[in-house]
Amino acid sequence: QVRLVESGGGRVQAGGSLRLSCVASGATFRIGTMAWYRQAPGKERRLVAEIDSDGGTRYVGPMKGRFTISRDRNSVYLQMNTLNTEDTAIFYCHATVKMSAYTPFQEFWGQGTQVTVSS
């Protein structure tokens, strides 16, 4: 199986920064695109940013310019700067992974990490 474990969430004041990390472990024969999603209270889960295996990135929504996604081997990171109260959400790591040379890419999710921004 594949396991994604996030860390780095917490409480921060508006204007502050946080860096989220996610490590993929287990049967990670090949990791494709890795991404961060967020789910605000009462809202749907939405894509924040994604990065492919070649390092190409895509950002969605108003976070572009404040958030930076990066990856290193089996890990993906999200540097979040100038946080505001609207960034309060649970952030989820997502990855597409081939568990072996004979299996297709499958989607996996982390358990989520809470980010709370106070005014």
C-alpha atoms as a PDB file:
ATOM      1  CA  GLN A   1       0.000   0.000   0.000  1.00  0.00           C
ATOM      2  CA  VAL A   2       0.893   3.663  -0.133  1.00  0.00           C
ATOM      3  CA  ARG A   3       0.780   6.059   2.751  1.00  0.00           C
ATOM      4  CA  LEU A   4       0.875   9.865   2.621  1.00  0.00           C
ATOM      5  CA  VAL A   5       1.640  11.651   5.869  1.00  0.00           C
ATOM      6  CA  GLU A   6       1.317  15.419   6.180  1.00  0.00           C
ATOM      7  CA  SER A   7       2.923  17.639   8.782  1.00  0.00           C
ATOM      8  CA  GLY A   8       3.531  21.317   9.402  1.00  0.00           C
ATOM      9  CA  GLY A   9       0.017  22.548  10.030  1.00  0.00           C
ATOM     10  CA  GLY A  10      -0.889  24.606  13.039  1.00  0.00           C
ATOM     11  CA  ARG A  11      -2.095  27.968  14.206  1.00  0.00           C
ATOM     12  CA  VAL A  12      -0.553  31.175  12.965  1.00  0.00           C
ATOM     13  CA  GLN A  13      -1.459  34.841  13.033  1.00  0.00           C
ATOM     14  CA  ALA A  14      -2.518  36.645   9.893  1.00  0.00           C
ATOM     15  CA  GLY A  15       0.502  37.666   7.869  1.00  0.00           C
ATOM     16  CA  GLY A  16       2.511  34.700   9.053  1.00  0.00           C
ATOM     17  CA  SER A  17       3.917  31.703   7.220  1.00  0.00           C
ATOM     18  CA  LEU A  18       3.744  27.935   7.421  1.00  0.00           C
ATOM     19  CA  ARG A  19       5.443  25.162   5.488  1.00  0.00           C
ATOM     20  CA  LEU A  20       3.527  21.952   4.959  1.00  0.00           C
ATOM     21  CA  SER A  21       5.280  18.694   4.225  1.00  0.00           C
ATOM     22  CA  CYS A  22       3.992  15.385   2.910  1.00  0.00           C
ATOM     23  CA  VAL A  23       5.960  12.176   2.668  1.00  0.00           C
ATOM     24  CA  ALA A  24       4.884   9.204   0.565  1.00  0.00           C
ATOM     25  CA  SER A  25       5.936   5.766   1.745  1.00  0.00           C
ATOM     26  CA  GLY A  26       5.187   2.153   0.962  1.00  0.00           C
ATOM     27  CA  ALA A  27       4.870   0.705  -2.524  1.00  0.00           C
ATOM     28  CA  THR A  28       5.952   3.855  -4.367  1.00  0.00           C
ATOM     29  CA  PHE A  29       7.427   2.352  -7.512  1.00  0.00           C
ATOM     30  CA  ARG A  30       6.834   5.612  -9.329  1.00  0.00           C
ATOM     31  CA  ILE A  31       5.181   8.806  -8.130  1.00  0.00           C
ATOM     32  CA  GLY A  32       3.472  10.993 -10.656  1.00  0.00           C
ATOM     33  CA  THR A  33       1.807  14.282  -9.891  1.00  0.00           C
ATOM     34  CA  MET A  34       1.709  15.409  -6.263  1.00  0.00           C
ATOM     35  CA  ALA A  35      -0.656  18.069  -5.073  1.00  0.00           C
ATOM     36  CA  TRP A  36      -2.116  19.998  -2.181  1.00  0.00           C
ATOM     37  CA  TYR A  37      -5.833  20.471  -1.730  1.00  0.00           C
ATOM     38  CA  ARG A  38      -7.640  22.388   0.929  1.00  0.00           C
ATOM     39  CA  GLN A  39     -11.075  22.170   2.466  1.00  0.00           C
ATOM     40  CA  ALA A  40     -12.397  25.171   4.333  1.00  0.00           C
ATOM     41  CA  PRO A  41     -15.199  24.749   6.891  1.00  0.00           C
ATOM     42  CA  GLY A  42     -18.451  24.017   5.071  1.00  0.00           C
ATOM     43  CA  LYS A  43     -16.777  24.079   1.672  1.00  0.00           C
ATOM     44  CA  GLU A  44     -15.740  21.493  -0.888  1.00  0.00           C
ATOM     45  CA  ARG A  45     -12.208  20.210  -1.139  1.00  0.00           C
ATOM     46  CA  ARG A  46     -10.354  22.220  -3.784  1.00  0.00           C
ATOM     47  CA  LEU A  47      -7.020  22.026  -5.528  1.00  0.00           C
ATOM     48  CA  VAL A  48      -4.433  24.524  -4.346  1.00  0.00           C
ATOM     49  CA  ALA A  49      -1.369  23.534  -6.357  1.00  0.00           C
ATOM     50  CA  GLU A  50       0.134  20.551  -8.096  1.00  0.00           C
ATOM     51  CA  ILE A  51       3.583  19.562  -9.302  1.00  0.00           C
ATOM     52  CA  ASP A  52       4.379  16.858 -11.816  1.00  0.00           C
ATOM     53  CA  SER A  53       7.318  14.473 -11.841  1.00  0.00           C
ATOM     54  CA  ASP A  54       9.315  16.877 -14.024  1.00  0.00           C
ATOM     55  CA  GLY A  55       8.797  19.753 -11.611  1.00  0.00           C
ATOM     56  CA  GLY A  56       6.152  21.533 -13.608  1.00  0.00           C
ATOM     57  CA  THR A  57       3.731  23.399 -11.371  1.00  0.00           C
ATOM     58  CA  ARG A  58       0.178  24.667 -11.556  1.00  0.00           C
ATOM     59  CA  TYR A  59      -1.599  26.882  -9.096  1.00  0.00           C
ATOM     60  CA  VAL A  60      -5.314  27.376  -8.778  1.00  0.00           C
ATOM     61  CA  GLY A  61      -7.136  30.306  -7.278  1.00  0.00           C
ATOM     62  CA  PRO A  62      -6.002  33.398  -5.408  1.00  0.00           C
ATOM     63  CA  MET A  63      -3.212  31.625  -3.516  1.00  0.00           C
ATOM     64  CA  LYS A  64      -0.851  31.958  -6.469  1.00  0.00           C
ATOM     65  CA  GLY A  65       1.962  34.306  -5.516  1.00  0.00           C
ATOM     66  CA  ARG A  66       1.624  33.545  -1.825  1.00  0.00           C
ATOM     67  CA  PHE A  67       1.985  29.753  -1.956  1.00  0.00           C
ATOM     68  CA  THR A  68       4.844  27.774  -3.490  1.00  0.00           C
ATOM     69  CA  ILE A  69       4.768  24.047  -4.139  1.00  0.00           C
ATOM     70  CA  SER A  70       7.948  21.987  -4.437  1.00  0.00           C
ATOM     71  CA  ARG A  71       8.954  18.347  -4.255  1.00  0.00           C
ATOM     72  CA  ASP A  72      11.945  16.221  -3.463  1.00  0.00           C
ATOM     73  CA  ARG A  73      11.943  12.491  -4.208  1.00  0.00           C
ATOM     74  CA  ASN A  74       8.954  11.138  -2.268  1.00  0.00           C
ATOM     75  CA  SER A  75       8.046  14.398  -0.578  1.00  0.00           C
ATOM     76  CA  VAL A  76       6.008  17.423  -1.523  1.00  0.00           C
ATOM     77  CA  TYR A  77       5.983  20.753   0.242  1.00  0.00           C
ATOM     78  CA  LEU A  78       3.776  23.817   0.343  1.00  0.00           C
ATOM     79  CA  GLN A  79       5.320  27.073   1.497  1.00  0.00           C
ATOM     80  CA  MET A  80       2.531  29.418   2.507  1.00  0.00           C
ATOM     81  CA  ASN A  81       3.286  33.093   3.062  1.00  0.00           C
ATOM     82  CA  THR A  82       1.196  36.096   4.009  1.00  0.00           C
ATOM     83  CA  LEU A  83      -1.535  33.880   5.388  1.00  0.00           C
ATOM     84  CA  ASN A  84      -4.945  35.359   6.046  1.00  0.00           C
ATOM     85  CA  THR A  85      -7.994  34.131   7.911  1.00  0.00           C
ATOM     86  CA  GLU A  86      -9.563  32.868   4.681  1.00  0.00           C
ATOM     87  CA  ASP A  87      -6.725  30.363   4.394  1.00  0.00           C
ATOM     88  CA  THR A  88      -8.057  28.505   7.448  1.00  0.00           C
ATOM     89  CA  ALA A  89      -8.716  24.970   6.221  1.00  0.00           C
ATOM     90  CA  ILE A  90      -7.667  21.365   6.369  1.00  0.00           C
ATOM     91  CA  PHE A  91      -4.891  20.824   3.834  1.00  0.00           C
ATOM     92  CA  TYR A  92      -4.649  17.438   2.156  1.00  0.00           C
ATOM     93  CA  CYS A  93      -1.771  15.871   0.271  1.00  0.00           C
ATOM     94  CA  HIS A  94      -2.635  13.955  -2.900  1.00  0.00           C
ATOM     95  CA  ALA A  95      -0.450  11.823  -5.124  1.00  0.00           C
ATOM     96  CA  THR A  96      -0.768   9.541  -8.113  1.00  0.00           C
ATOM     97  CA  VAL A  97       1.390   6.477  -7.605  1.00  0.00           C
ATOM     98  CA  LYS A  98       2.336   3.339  -9.508  1.00  0.00           C
ATOM     99  CA  MET A  99       2.753   0.637  -6.893  1.00  0.00           C
ATOM    100  CA  SER A 100       4.675  -1.591  -9.326  1.00  0.00           C
ATOM    101  CA  ALA A 101       5.753  -1.714 -12.958  1.00  0.00           C
ATOM    102  CA  TYR A 102       2.581  -3.664 -13.770  1.00  0.00           C
ATOM    103  CA  THR A 103      -0.060  -1.526 -12.110  1.00  0.00           C
ATOM    104  CA  PRO A 104      -1.582   1.732 -13.308  1.00  0.00           C
ATOM    105  CA  PHE A 105      -1.282   5.023 -11.510  1.00  0.00           C
ATOM    106  CA  GLN A 106      -3.661   5.191  -8.540  1.00  0.00           C
ATOM    107  CA  GLU A 107      -4.732   8.114  -6.406  1.00  0.00           C
ATOM    108  CA  PHE A 108      -3.880   8.383  -2.733  1.00  0.00           C
ATOM    109  CA  TRP A 109      -4.747  10.936  -0.061  1.00  0.00           C
ATOM    110  CA  GLY A 110      -3.196  11.928   3.207  1.00  0.00           C
ATOM    111  CA  GLN A 111      -5.211  12.321   6.384  1.00  0.00           C
ATOM    112  CA  GLY A 112      -5.038  16.113   6.291  1.00  0.00           C
ATOM    113  CA  THR A 113      -3.409  18.737   8.446  1.00  0.00           C
ATOM    114  CA  GLN A 114      -5.263  21.660  10.007  1.00  0.00           C
ATOM    115  CA  VAL A 115      -4.157  25.205   9.269  1.00  0.00           C
ATOM    116  CA  THR A 116      -5.781  27.905  11.378  1.00  0.00           C
ATOM    117  CA  VAL A 117      -5.059  31.573  10.741  1.00  0.00           C
ATOM    118  CA  SER A 118      -6.162  34.011  13.406  1.00  0.00           C
ATOM    119  CA  SER A 119      -6.628  37.737  13.034  1.00  0.00           C
END
